[in-house]
């Protein structure tokens, strides 16, 4: 769950970004820029990131700030779940990533699974839409929604992508070291409930 200081920093950043996007008054713009600097100072005080890095993260965002959207493919085979090992941290995650503009959630998840694992899939149903702040992920500067879509393999073969270095299927009780920025153990175990009960209702938040 988010720490209080991180919630404050993100709220101040969101307010300042919206103000800078819509304000025309030069004095208001100065105030919103100062608010953004305060949010950067809060992040710097509680993380190991450099000021310039935090400033780049925040100043690259423009317009009204909304949560970012991450899509993850849930693929079962022989009572095991498909996972890929990410190059960025050498840990395991469900195939997926940020949603690209111009593609629907189903199109995004098909693309991500193909690129990261080599499998062609058919999206079956939305099984969970989770607010990252409500789950035990490490603290992050941005607010994310995570979309989990159940998919069925219809073709392809295991093929590494440019972001992955291994592909495998894992049982519920033999999970690998997880990339907790992307998925948590409690989330993976929750997804296995849909394998046991295909009629389980979609999870919200």
N, C-alpha and C. Protein backbone atom coordinates (compact mmCIF):
# COMPACT_ATOMS: atom_id res chain seq x y z
N UNK A 1 0.83 -1.18 0.00
CA UNK A 1 0.00 0.00 0.00
C UNK A 1 0.88 1.25 0.00
N UNK A 2 0.36 2.35 -0.56
CA UNK A 2 1.15 3.56 -0.65
C UNK A 2 1.43 4.13 0.73
N UNK A 3 2.62 4.68 0.88
CA UNK A 3 2.94 5.41 2.08
C UNK A 3 2.29 6.79 2.00
N UNK A 4 2.02 7.40 3.15
CA UNK A 4 1.30 8.67 3.15
C UNK A 4 2.07 9.75 2.40
N UNK A 5 3.38 9.80 2.59
CA UNK A 5 4.17 10.83 1.91
C UNK A 5 4.08 10.70 0.40
N UNK A 6 3.99 9.46 -0.09
CA UNK A 6 3.88 9.25 -1.53
C UNK A 6 2.52 9.70 -2.04
N UNK A 7 1.48 9.43 -1.28
CA UNK A 7 0.15 9.92 -1.65
C UNK A 7 0.13 11.44 -1.74
N UNK A 8 0.74 12.10 -0.74
CA UNK A 8 0.78 13.56 -0.76
C UNK A 8 1.54 14.08 -1.98
N UNK A 9 2.70 13.48 -2.25
CA UNK A 9 3.52 13.93 -3.37
C UNK A 9 2.77 13.77 -4.69
N UNK A 10 2.08 12.64 -4.86
CA UNK A 10 1.36 12.40 -6.11
C UNK A 10 0.15 13.32 -6.24
N UNK A 11 -0.53 13.60 -5.14
CA UNK A 11 -1.68 14.51 -5.20
C UNK A 11 -1.24 15.93 -5.52
N UNK A 12 -0.15 16.36 -4.89
CA UNK A 12 0.37 17.72 -5.17
C UNK A 12 0.82 17.81 -6.62
N UNK A 13 1.50 16.77 -7.11
CA UNK A 13 1.94 16.74 -8.50
C UNK A 13 0.75 16.81 -9.45
N UNK A 14 -0.30 16.04 -9.18
CA UNK A 14 -1.47 16.02 -10.06
C UNK A 14 -2.15 17.39 -10.08
N UNK A 15 -2.28 18.03 -8.91
CA UNK A 15 -2.90 19.35 -8.85
C UNK A 15 -2.07 20.39 -9.60
N UNK A 16 -0.75 20.34 -9.41
CA UNK A 16 0.11 21.32 -10.07
C UNK A 16 0.10 21.11 -11.58
N UNK A 17 0.09 19.85 -12.02
CA UNK A 17 0.07 19.58 -13.45
C UNK A 17 -1.21 20.06 -14.10
N UNK A 18 -2.34 19.82 -13.44
CA UNK A 18 -3.62 20.29 -13.97
C UNK A 18 -3.66 21.82 -14.02
N UNK A 19 -3.14 22.44 -12.95
CA UNK A 19 -3.11 23.90 -12.91
C UNK A 19 -2.25 24.48 -14.02
N UNK A 20 -1.10 23.88 -14.27
CA UNK A 20 -0.22 24.36 -15.34
C UNK A 20 -0.84 24.14 -16.72
N UNK A 21 -1.69 23.14 -16.83
CA UNK A 21 -2.31 22.84 -18.12
C UNK A 21 -3.41 23.84 -18.47
N UNK A 22 -4.12 24.32 -17.44
CA UNK A 22 -5.31 25.13 -17.72
C UNK A 22 -5.21 26.60 -17.30
N UNK A 23 -4.26 26.92 -16.44
CA UNK A 23 -4.18 28.30 -15.95
C UNK A 23 -3.55 29.23 -16.99
N UNK A 24 -4.07 30.47 -17.07
CA UNK A 24 -3.53 31.49 -17.97
C UNK A 24 -2.86 32.61 -17.19
N UNK A 25 -3.15 32.71 -15.91
CA UNK A 25 -2.61 33.78 -15.07
C UNK A 25 -1.15 33.47 -14.71
N UNK A 26 -0.26 34.43 -14.96
CA UNK A 26 1.17 34.17 -14.73
C UNK A 26 1.48 33.92 -13.26
N UNK A 27 0.72 34.56 -12.37
CA UNK A 27 0.96 34.36 -10.94
C UNK A 27 0.49 32.98 -10.50
N UNK A 28 -0.65 32.54 -11.04
CA UNK A 28 -1.11 31.18 -10.74
C UNK A 28 -0.12 30.14 -11.28
N UNK A 29 0.41 30.40 -12.46
CA UNK A 29 1.38 29.48 -13.06
C UNK A 29 2.61 29.36 -12.15
N UNK A 30 3.05 30.49 -11.60
CA UNK A 30 4.20 30.46 -10.68
C UNK A 30 3.88 29.62 -9.45
N UNK A 31 2.65 29.76 -8.93
CA UNK A 31 2.26 28.99 -7.75
C UNK A 31 2.22 27.49 -8.06
N UNK A 32 1.68 27.15 -9.23
CA UNK A 32 1.61 25.73 -9.59
C UNK A 32 3.00 25.15 -9.82
N UNK A 33 3.90 25.95 -10.38
CA UNK A 33 5.28 25.49 -10.54
C UNK A 33 5.94 25.26 -9.19
N UNK A 34 5.62 26.13 -8.22
CA UNK A 34 6.16 25.95 -6.88
C UNK A 34 5.60 24.69 -6.23
N UNK A 35 4.31 24.44 -6.45
CA UNK A 35 3.71 23.21 -5.92
C UNK A 35 4.40 21.98 -6.51
N UNK A 36 4.71 22.03 -7.79
CA UNK A 36 5.39 20.90 -8.40
C UNK A 36 6.77 20.70 -7.79
N UNK A 37 7.46 21.80 -7.50
CA UNK A 37 8.77 21.69 -6.87
C UNK A 37 8.65 21.07 -5.47
N UNK A 38 7.57 21.41 -4.76
CA UNK A 38 7.36 20.82 -3.43
C UNK A 38 7.17 19.31 -3.56
N UNK A 39 6.40 18.88 -4.57
CA UNK A 39 6.19 17.44 -4.75
C UNK A 39 7.51 16.75 -5.08
N UNK A 40 8.36 17.41 -5.86
CA UNK A 40 9.67 16.84 -6.19
C UNK A 40 10.53 16.73 -4.94
N UNK A 41 10.50 17.76 -4.08
CA UNK A 41 11.28 17.74 -2.85
C UNK A 41 10.82 16.62 -1.91
N UNK A 42 9.51 16.39 -1.86
CA UNK A 42 8.99 15.30 -1.03
C UNK A 42 9.52 13.96 -1.53
N UNK A 43 9.46 13.75 -2.85
CA UNK A 43 9.97 12.51 -3.43
C UNK A 43 11.46 12.36 -3.15
N UNK A 44 12.21 13.44 -3.28
CA UNK A 44 13.66 13.38 -3.06
C UNK A 44 13.98 13.05 -1.61
N UNK A 45 13.21 13.58 -0.70
CA UNK A 45 13.46 13.38 0.73
C UNK A 45 13.30 11.92 1.13
N UNK A 46 12.40 11.20 0.44
CA UNK A 46 12.05 9.85 0.87
C UNK A 46 12.51 8.76 -0.10
N UNK A 47 13.22 9.12 -1.17
CA UNK A 47 13.72 8.12 -2.10
C UNK A 47 15.19 8.38 -2.38
N UNK A 48 15.79 7.49 -3.14
CA UNK A 48 17.19 7.65 -3.51
C UNK A 48 17.34 8.29 -4.89
N UNK A 49 16.22 8.69 -5.48
CA UNK A 49 16.27 9.30 -6.80
C UNK A 49 16.86 10.71 -6.72
N UNK A 50 17.59 11.10 -7.76
CA UNK A 50 18.14 12.45 -7.83
C UNK A 50 17.04 13.43 -8.22
N UNK A 51 17.23 14.68 -7.81
CA UNK A 51 16.24 15.73 -8.08
C UNK A 51 15.95 15.83 -9.58
N UNK A 52 17.00 15.82 -10.39
CA UNK A 52 16.82 15.98 -11.84
C UNK A 52 16.00 14.83 -12.42
N UNK A 53 16.24 13.60 -11.90
CA UNK A 53 15.48 12.46 -12.38
C UNK A 53 14.01 12.60 -12.03
N UNK A 54 13.72 13.00 -10.80
CA UNK A 54 12.32 13.19 -10.38
C UNK A 54 11.68 14.31 -11.18
N UNK A 55 12.42 15.40 -11.39
CA UNK A 55 11.88 16.52 -12.15
C UNK A 55 11.55 16.09 -13.57
N UNK A 56 12.41 15.27 -14.17
CA UNK A 56 12.14 14.78 -15.52
C UNK A 56 10.86 13.93 -15.53
N UNK A 57 10.69 13.08 -14.52
CA UNK A 57 9.49 12.26 -14.44
C UNK A 57 8.23 13.12 -14.40
N UNK A 58 8.28 14.16 -13.58
CA UNK A 58 7.09 14.98 -13.37
C UNK A 58 6.87 15.99 -14.49
N UNK A 59 7.92 16.62 -14.99
CA UNK A 59 7.73 17.66 -16.00
C UNK A 59 7.43 17.09 -17.38
N UNK A 60 7.70 15.80 -17.60
CA UNK A 60 7.35 15.19 -18.88
C UNK A 60 5.86 14.94 -19.00
N UNK A 61 5.15 15.01 -17.89
CA UNK A 61 3.70 14.84 -17.90
C UNK A 61 3.03 16.19 -18.12
N UNK A 62 2.08 16.23 -19.04
CA UNK A 62 1.35 17.47 -19.30
C UNK A 62 -0.15 17.17 -19.34
N UNK A 63 -0.95 18.23 -19.22
CA UNK A 63 -2.39 18.06 -19.26
C UNK A 63 -2.94 17.53 -17.95
N UNK A 64 -4.24 17.27 -17.95
CA UNK A 64 -4.90 16.76 -16.75
C UNK A 64 -4.39 15.36 -16.46
N UNK A 65 -3.90 15.15 -15.25
CA UNK A 65 -3.29 13.86 -14.93
C UNK A 65 -4.33 12.81 -14.57
N UNK A 66 -4.21 11.65 -15.19
CA UNK A 66 -5.09 10.52 -14.91
C UNK A 66 -4.22 9.28 -14.67
N UNK A 67 -4.78 8.23 -14.08
CA UNK A 67 -3.98 7.01 -13.86
C UNK A 67 -3.48 6.41 -15.17
N UNK A 68 -2.31 5.83 -15.14
CA UNK A 68 -1.79 5.08 -16.28
C UNK A 68 -2.40 3.68 -16.26
N UNK A 69 -2.47 3.06 -17.43
CA UNK A 69 -3.13 1.76 -17.54
C UNK A 69 -2.14 0.69 -17.98
N UNK A 70 -2.10 -0.40 -17.21
CA UNK A 70 -1.21 -1.53 -17.47
C UNK A 70 -2.07 -2.77 -17.70
N UNK A 71 -1.81 -3.52 -18.77
CA UNK A 71 -2.60 -4.70 -19.08
C UNK A 71 -1.74 -5.95 -18.90
N UNK A 72 -2.30 -7.01 -18.31
CA UNK A 72 -1.58 -8.26 -18.09
C UNK A 72 -2.41 -9.44 -18.61
N UNK A 73 -1.72 -10.34 -19.32
CA UNK A 73 -2.39 -11.51 -19.87
C UNK A 73 -2.34 -12.68 -18.89
N UNK A 74 -3.48 -13.30 -18.65
CA UNK A 74 -3.59 -14.45 -17.75
C UNK A 74 -3.83 -15.69 -18.60
N UNK A 75 -2.80 -16.52 -18.74
CA UNK A 75 -2.87 -17.68 -19.62
C UNK A 75 -2.55 -18.94 -18.82
N UNK A 76 -3.50 -19.88 -18.80
CA UNK A 76 -3.30 -21.14 -18.08
C UNK A 76 -3.08 -22.29 -19.06
N UNK A 77 -2.22 -23.23 -18.66
CA UNK A 77 -2.00 -24.45 -19.42
C UNK A 77 -1.62 -25.55 -18.45
N UNK A 78 -2.36 -26.64 -18.47
CA UNK A 78 -2.10 -27.77 -17.57
C UNK A 78 -2.05 -27.31 -16.11
N UNK A 79 -3.02 -26.47 -15.74
CA UNK A 79 -3.15 -25.96 -14.37
C UNK A 79 -1.97 -25.09 -13.92
N UNK A 80 -1.23 -24.55 -14.88
CA UNK A 80 -0.13 -23.64 -14.59
C UNK A 80 -0.34 -22.32 -15.32
N UNK A 81 0.31 -21.27 -14.82
CA UNK A 81 0.13 -19.93 -15.38
C UNK A 81 1.39 -19.50 -16.13
N UNK A 82 1.18 -18.85 -17.28
CA UNK A 82 2.29 -18.38 -18.11
C UNK A 82 2.94 -17.14 -17.50
N UNK A 83 4.27 -17.17 -17.41
CA UNK A 83 5.01 -16.01 -16.93
C UNK A 83 6.28 -15.84 -17.76
N UNK A 84 6.78 -14.61 -17.80
CA UNK A 84 8.03 -14.29 -18.51
C UNK A 84 8.97 -13.60 -17.54
N UNK A 85 10.26 -13.82 -17.73
CA UNK A 85 11.25 -13.17 -16.88
C UNK A 85 11.73 -11.90 -17.58
N UNK A 86 11.57 -10.78 -16.87
CA UNK A 86 11.85 -9.47 -17.44
C UNK A 86 13.35 -9.15 -17.39
N UNK A 87 13.88 -8.61 -18.49
CA UNK A 87 15.29 -8.20 -18.51
C UNK A 87 15.58 -7.11 -17.49
N UNK A 88 14.62 -6.23 -17.27
CA UNK A 88 14.88 -5.03 -16.47
C UNK A 88 15.24 -5.36 -15.03
N UNK A 89 14.68 -6.44 -14.46
CA UNK A 89 15.01 -6.80 -13.08
C UNK A 89 15.28 -8.29 -12.89
N UNK A 90 15.23 -9.05 -13.99
CA UNK A 90 15.49 -10.50 -13.97
C UNK A 90 14.51 -11.24 -13.06
N UNK A 91 13.29 -10.74 -12.97
CA UNK A 91 12.25 -11.37 -12.18
C UNK A 91 11.04 -11.65 -13.07
N UNK A 92 10.09 -12.40 -12.53
CA UNK A 92 9.00 -12.95 -13.34
C UNK A 92 7.71 -12.15 -13.23
N UNK A 93 7.00 -12.09 -14.37
CA UNK A 93 5.73 -11.37 -14.41
C UNK A 93 4.82 -11.99 -15.45
N UNK A 94 3.53 -11.73 -15.31
CA UNK A 94 2.60 -12.05 -16.39
C UNK A 94 2.97 -11.20 -17.60
N UNK A 95 2.88 -11.74 -18.80
CA UNK A 95 3.19 -10.92 -19.98
C UNK A 95 2.23 -9.73 -20.05
N UNK A 96 2.78 -8.57 -20.38
CA UNK A 96 1.95 -7.38 -20.46
C UNK A 96 2.77 -6.12 -20.42
N UNK A 97 2.08 -4.99 -20.27
CA UNK A 97 2.75 -3.70 -20.22
C UNK A 97 1.75 -2.57 -20.35
N UNK A 98 2.26 -1.36 -20.57
CA UNK A 98 1.40 -0.20 -20.74
C UNK A 98 0.51 -0.37 -21.97
N UNK A 99 -0.72 0.11 -21.88
CA UNK A 99 -1.61 0.08 -23.03
C UNK A 99 -1.18 1.14 -24.05
N UNK A 100 -1.10 0.74 -25.31
CA UNK A 100 -0.75 1.66 -26.38
C UNK A 100 -2.00 2.37 -26.89
N UNK A 101 -1.86 3.65 -27.21
CA UNK A 101 -2.96 4.42 -27.79
C UNK A 101 -3.31 3.83 -29.15
N UNK A 102 -4.59 3.74 -29.44
CA UNK A 102 -5.05 3.22 -30.72
C UNK A 102 -5.40 1.75 -30.69
N UNK A 103 -5.07 1.06 -29.58
CA UNK A 103 -5.40 -0.35 -29.43
C UNK A 103 -6.37 -0.53 -28.27
N UNK A 104 -7.29 -1.45 -28.42
CA UNK A 104 -8.21 -1.77 -27.33
C UNK A 104 -7.47 -2.59 -26.28
N UNK A 105 -8.04 -2.77 -25.08
CA UNK A 105 -7.39 -3.63 -24.09
C UNK A 105 -7.11 -5.04 -24.62
N UNK A 106 -8.06 -5.63 -25.34
CA UNK A 106 -7.85 -6.97 -25.89
C UNK A 106 -6.72 -6.97 -26.91
N UNK A 107 -6.68 -5.98 -27.77
CA UNK A 107 -5.62 -5.89 -28.77
C UNK A 107 -4.26 -5.68 -28.10
N UNK A 108 -4.25 -4.88 -27.04
CA UNK A 108 -3.00 -4.66 -26.31
C UNK A 108 -2.48 -5.94 -25.69
N UNK A 109 -3.36 -6.71 -25.06
CA UNK A 109 -2.89 -7.91 -24.37
C UNK A 109 -2.43 -8.96 -25.38
N UNK A 110 -3.09 -9.06 -26.51
CA UNK A 110 -2.64 -9.99 -27.55
C UNK A 110 -1.25 -9.61 -28.05
N UNK A 111 -1.03 -8.31 -28.27
CA UNK A 111 0.25 -7.83 -28.75
C UNK A 111 1.36 -8.10 -27.74
N UNK A 112 1.08 -7.80 -26.46
CA UNK A 112 2.09 -7.98 -25.41
C UNK A 112 2.47 -9.45 -25.23
N UNK A 113 1.47 -10.33 -25.22
CA UNK A 113 1.76 -11.75 -25.05
C UNK A 113 2.57 -12.28 -26.23
N UNK A 114 2.22 -11.87 -27.44
CA UNK A 114 2.96 -12.30 -28.61
C UNK A 114 4.40 -11.80 -28.56
N UNK A 115 4.60 -10.53 -28.23
CA UNK A 115 5.94 -9.95 -28.21
C UNK A 115 6.82 -10.54 -27.11
N UNK A 116 6.22 -10.86 -25.96
CA UNK A 116 7.02 -11.28 -24.81
C UNK A 116 7.15 -12.80 -24.68
N UNK A 117 6.22 -13.54 -25.26
CA UNK A 117 6.27 -15.00 -25.09
C UNK A 117 6.23 -15.79 -26.39
N UNK A 118 5.78 -15.18 -27.47
CA UNK A 118 5.68 -15.87 -28.75
C UNK A 118 4.34 -16.54 -29.01
N UNK A 119 3.45 -16.57 -28.01
CA UNK A 119 2.17 -17.25 -28.18
C UNK A 119 1.12 -16.33 -28.81
N UNK A 120 0.31 -16.92 -29.68
CA UNK A 120 -0.89 -16.24 -30.18
C UNK A 120 -2.03 -16.61 -29.25
N UNK A 121 -2.79 -15.61 -28.83
CA UNK A 121 -3.86 -15.88 -27.86
C UNK A 121 -5.17 -15.25 -28.31
N UNK A 122 -6.23 -15.77 -27.73
CA UNK A 122 -7.57 -15.21 -27.90
C UNK A 122 -8.05 -14.71 -26.54
N UNK A 123 -8.31 -13.41 -26.38
CA UNK A 123 -8.84 -12.90 -25.11
C UNK A 123 -10.22 -13.48 -24.85
N UNK A 124 -10.43 -13.96 -23.62
CA UNK A 124 -11.70 -14.61 -23.27
C UNK A 124 -12.60 -13.68 -22.46
N UNK A 125 -12.02 -13.10 -21.39
CA UNK A 125 -12.83 -12.21 -20.55
C UNK A 125 -11.94 -11.37 -19.65
N UNK A 126 -12.48 -10.25 -19.24
CA UNK A 126 -11.84 -9.42 -18.21
C UNK A 126 -12.08 -10.09 -16.87
N UNK A 127 -11.00 -10.37 -16.12
CA UNK A 127 -11.21 -11.02 -14.83
C UNK A 127 -10.89 -10.11 -13.64
N UNK A 128 -10.11 -9.05 -13.87
CA UNK A 128 -9.82 -8.14 -12.75
C UNK A 128 -9.38 -6.79 -13.27
N UNK A 129 -9.85 -5.76 -12.60
CA UNK A 129 -9.38 -4.39 -12.82
C UNK A 129 -8.97 -3.87 -11.45
N UNK A 130 -7.66 -3.74 -11.23
CA UNK A 130 -7.14 -3.43 -9.91
C UNK A 130 -6.45 -2.07 -9.86
N UNK A 131 -6.67 -1.39 -8.76
CA UNK A 131 -5.96 -0.15 -8.45
C UNK A 131 -4.65 -0.53 -7.77
N UNK A 132 -3.54 -0.16 -8.39
CA UNK A 132 -2.24 -0.58 -7.86
C UNK A 132 -2.02 -0.10 -6.43
N UNK A 133 -2.60 1.03 -6.08
CA UNK A 133 -2.44 1.57 -4.73
C UNK A 133 -3.08 0.69 -3.66
N UNK A 134 -4.00 -0.18 -4.06
CA UNK A 134 -4.72 -1.01 -3.10
C UNK A 134 -4.10 -2.41 -2.96
N UNK A 135 -2.91 -2.58 -3.53
CA UNK A 135 -2.24 -3.87 -3.48
C UNK A 135 -0.78 -3.67 -3.09
N UNK A 136 -0.12 -4.71 -2.56
CA UNK A 136 1.21 -4.53 -1.96
C UNK A 136 2.37 -4.43 -2.96
N UNK A 137 2.23 -3.50 -3.91
CA UNK A 137 3.32 -3.20 -4.83
C UNK A 137 4.29 -2.21 -4.17
N UNK A 138 5.54 -2.16 -4.61
CA UNK A 138 6.46 -1.12 -4.12
C UNK A 138 5.94 0.26 -4.48
N UNK A 139 6.25 1.28 -3.68
CA UNK A 139 5.80 2.65 -3.97
C UNK A 139 6.32 3.14 -5.32
N UNK A 140 5.48 3.88 -6.05
CA UNK A 140 5.88 4.46 -7.34
C UNK A 140 5.37 5.89 -7.44
N UNK A 141 5.97 6.64 -8.37
CA UNK A 141 5.63 8.05 -8.52
C UNK A 141 4.25 8.25 -9.14
N UNK A 142 3.80 7.29 -9.95
CA UNK A 142 2.54 7.45 -10.66
C UNK A 142 1.48 6.51 -10.12
N UNK A 143 0.25 6.82 -10.48
CA UNK A 143 -0.91 6.02 -10.10
C UNK A 143 -1.26 5.11 -11.28
N UNK A 144 -1.44 3.81 -11.03
CA UNK A 144 -1.70 2.85 -12.09
C UNK A 144 -2.99 2.08 -11.84
N UNK A 145 -3.70 1.78 -12.94
CA UNK A 145 -4.74 0.75 -12.94
C UNK A 145 -4.17 -0.45 -13.69
N UNK A 146 -4.46 -1.66 -13.19
CA UNK A 146 -3.97 -2.87 -13.81
C UNK A 146 -5.16 -3.70 -14.31
N UNK A 147 -5.12 -4.04 -15.60
CA UNK A 147 -6.18 -4.83 -16.23
C UNK A 147 -5.67 -6.26 -16.44
N UNK A 148 -6.36 -7.23 -15.87
CA UNK A 148 -5.99 -8.63 -16.04
C UNK A 148 -7.04 -9.30 -16.95
N UNK A 149 -6.57 -9.84 -18.08
CA UNK A 149 -7.46 -10.43 -19.07
C UNK A 149 -7.12 -11.90 -19.26
N UNK A 150 -8.11 -12.77 -19.07
CA UNK A 150 -7.94 -14.20 -19.28
C UNK A 150 -7.85 -14.48 -20.78
N UNK A 151 -6.83 -15.23 -21.18
CA UNK A 151 -6.61 -15.52 -22.60
C UNK A 151 -6.39 -17.01 -22.81
N UNK A 152 -6.66 -17.46 -24.04
CA UNK A 152 -6.46 -18.85 -24.42
C UNK A 152 -5.44 -18.93 -25.55
N UNK A 153 -4.48 -19.84 -25.44
CA UNK A 153 -3.47 -20.01 -26.49
C UNK A 153 -4.12 -20.66 -27.71
N UNK A 154 -3.92 -20.05 -28.89
CA UNK A 154 -4.48 -20.60 -30.14
C UNK A 154 -3.39 -20.87 -31.17
N UNK A 155 -2.14 -20.57 -30.83
CA UNK A 155 -1.06 -20.80 -31.78
C UNK A 155 0.25 -20.23 -31.27
N UNK A 156 1.25 -20.24 -32.14
CA UNK A 156 2.56 -19.73 -31.78
C UNK A 156 3.37 -20.74 -31.00
N UNK A 157 4.55 -20.34 -30.59
CA UNK A 157 5.43 -21.20 -29.80
C UNK A 157 6.28 -20.30 -28.90
N UNK A 158 6.83 -20.85 -27.80
CA UNK A 158 7.64 -20.02 -26.90
C UNK A 158 8.80 -19.35 -27.64
N UNK A 159 8.79 -18.02 -27.61
CA UNK A 159 9.82 -17.24 -28.30
C UNK A 159 10.15 -16.02 -27.45
N UNK A 160 11.41 -15.83 -27.13
CA UNK A 160 11.81 -14.69 -26.31
C UNK A 160 11.61 -13.38 -27.07
N UNK A 161 11.22 -12.35 -26.31
CA UNK A 161 11.12 -11.01 -26.88
C UNK A 161 12.30 -10.17 -26.46
N UNK A 162 12.32 -8.91 -26.90
CA UNK A 162 13.45 -8.04 -26.58
C UNK A 162 13.45 -7.63 -25.11
N UNK A 163 12.31 -7.80 -24.41
CA UNK A 163 12.23 -7.42 -23.01
C UNK A 163 12.27 -8.62 -22.07
N UNK A 164 12.36 -9.83 -22.62
CA UNK A 164 12.28 -11.02 -21.78
C UNK A 164 13.46 -11.96 -22.05
N UNK A 165 13.84 -12.72 -21.02
CA UNK A 165 14.96 -13.66 -21.19
C UNK A 165 14.59 -15.10 -20.82
N UNK A 166 13.32 -15.33 -20.46
CA UNK A 166 12.89 -16.69 -20.18
C UNK A 166 11.36 -16.76 -20.19
N UNK A 167 10.83 -17.92 -20.53
CA UNK A 167 9.39 -18.14 -20.60
C UNK A 167 9.09 -19.47 -19.92
N UNK A 168 8.04 -19.50 -19.07
CA UNK A 168 7.73 -20.76 -18.42
C UNK A 168 6.31 -20.71 -17.86
N UNK A 169 5.80 -21.88 -17.49
CA UNK A 169 4.51 -22.00 -16.81
C UNK A 169 4.77 -22.47 -15.39
N UNK A 170 4.02 -21.90 -14.43
CA UNK A 170 4.25 -22.19 -13.01
C UNK A 170 2.94 -22.57 -12.33
N UNK A 171 3.05 -23.51 -11.39
CA UNK A 171 1.89 -23.88 -10.58
C UNK A 171 1.68 -22.86 -9.47
N UNK A 172 0.50 -22.87 -8.90
CA UNK A 172 0.14 -21.90 -7.86
C UNK A 172 1.08 -21.99 -6.66
N UNK A 173 1.55 -23.17 -6.34
CA UNK A 173 2.36 -23.37 -5.14
C UNK A 173 3.85 -23.47 -5.44
N UNK A 174 4.23 -23.09 -6.64
CA UNK A 174 5.65 -23.11 -7.01
C UNK A 174 5.98 -21.89 -7.86
N UNK A 175 5.62 -20.72 -7.35
CA UNK A 175 5.84 -19.48 -8.09
C UNK A 175 7.31 -19.06 -8.03
N UNK A 176 7.82 -18.43 -9.08
CA UNK A 176 9.20 -17.95 -9.09
C UNK A 176 9.31 -16.62 -8.35
N UNK A 177 10.50 -16.04 -8.34
CA UNK A 177 10.68 -14.72 -7.75
C UNK A 177 9.97 -13.70 -8.64
N UNK A 178 9.01 -13.01 -8.07
CA UNK A 178 8.14 -12.14 -8.86
C UNK A 178 8.68 -10.72 -8.97
N UNK A 179 8.38 -10.10 -10.11
CA UNK A 179 8.62 -8.67 -10.30
C UNK A 179 7.44 -7.94 -9.68
N UNK A 180 7.58 -7.53 -8.43
CA UNK A 180 6.43 -7.03 -7.67
C UNK A 180 5.95 -5.65 -8.14
N UNK A 181 6.75 -4.96 -8.95
CA UNK A 181 6.22 -3.75 -9.59
C UNK A 181 5.11 -4.11 -10.57
N UNK A 182 5.16 -5.32 -11.11
CA UNK A 182 4.23 -5.74 -12.15
C UNK A 182 3.11 -6.63 -11.62
N UNK A 183 3.44 -7.53 -10.72
CA UNK A 183 2.41 -8.40 -10.13
C UNK A 183 2.89 -8.92 -8.78
N UNK A 184 1.95 -9.14 -7.89
CA UNK A 184 2.27 -9.62 -6.55
C UNK A 184 1.83 -11.07 -6.39
N UNK A 185 2.35 -11.72 -5.37
CA UNK A 185 1.98 -13.12 -5.12
C UNK A 185 0.49 -13.24 -4.82
N UNK A 186 -0.05 -12.29 -4.06
CA UNK A 186 -1.47 -12.36 -3.74
C UNK A 186 -2.33 -12.20 -4.99
N UNK A 187 -1.90 -11.38 -5.93
CA UNK A 187 -2.64 -11.24 -7.19
C UNK A 187 -2.60 -12.53 -7.99
N UNK A 188 -1.41 -13.14 -8.11
CA UNK A 188 -1.29 -14.38 -8.87
C UNK A 188 -2.17 -15.46 -8.27
N UNK A 189 -2.16 -15.59 -6.95
CA UNK A 189 -2.98 -16.60 -6.29
C UNK A 189 -4.47 -16.33 -6.51
N UNK A 190 -4.84 -15.06 -6.53
CA UNK A 190 -6.23 -14.70 -6.81
C UNK A 190 -6.61 -15.11 -8.23
N UNK A 191 -5.69 -14.96 -9.18
CA UNK A 191 -5.98 -15.33 -10.56
C UNK A 191 -6.21 -16.83 -10.69
N UNK A 192 -5.54 -17.63 -9.87
CA UNK A 192 -5.76 -19.08 -9.92
C UNK A 192 -7.18 -19.45 -9.49
N UNK A 193 -7.84 -18.58 -8.74
CA UNK A 193 -9.23 -18.85 -8.36
C UNK A 193 -10.14 -18.92 -9.59
N UNK A 194 -9.77 -18.18 -10.63
CA UNK A 194 -10.55 -18.21 -11.87
C UNK A 194 -10.33 -19.51 -12.64
N UNK A 195 -9.18 -20.14 -12.43
CA UNK A 195 -8.94 -21.45 -13.03
C UNK A 195 -9.84 -22.50 -12.37
N UNK A 196 -9.97 -22.40 -11.05
CA UNK A 196 -10.80 -23.36 -10.32
C UNK A 196 -12.29 -23.08 -10.48
N UNK A 197 -12.61 -21.80 -10.66
CA UNK A 197 -14.01 -21.41 -10.77
C UNK A 197 -14.20 -20.42 -11.92
N UNK A 198 -14.39 -20.93 -13.14
CA UNK A 198 -14.53 -20.06 -14.32
C UNK A 198 -15.69 -19.07 -14.23
N UNK A 199 -16.64 -19.33 -13.34
CA UNK A 199 -17.80 -18.44 -13.20
C UNK A 199 -17.57 -17.34 -12.16
N UNK A 200 -16.40 -17.29 -11.60
CA UNK A 200 -16.10 -16.29 -10.57
C UNK A 200 -16.30 -14.89 -11.14
N UNK A 201 -16.88 -14.00 -10.33
CA UNK A 201 -17.17 -12.65 -10.79
C UNK A 201 -15.88 -11.84 -10.93
N UNK A 202 -15.91 -10.90 -11.86
CA UNK A 202 -14.78 -10.01 -12.10
C UNK A 202 -14.45 -9.24 -10.82
N UNK A 203 -13.17 -9.09 -10.55
CA UNK A 203 -12.70 -8.35 -9.37
C UNK A 203 -12.50 -6.89 -9.72
N UNK A 204 -13.02 -6.01 -8.89
CA UNK A 204 -12.87 -4.57 -9.09
C UNK A 204 -12.13 -3.97 -7.91
N UNK A 205 -11.04 -3.28 -8.19
CA UNK A 205 -10.18 -2.59 -7.22
C UNK A 205 -9.29 -3.54 -6.43
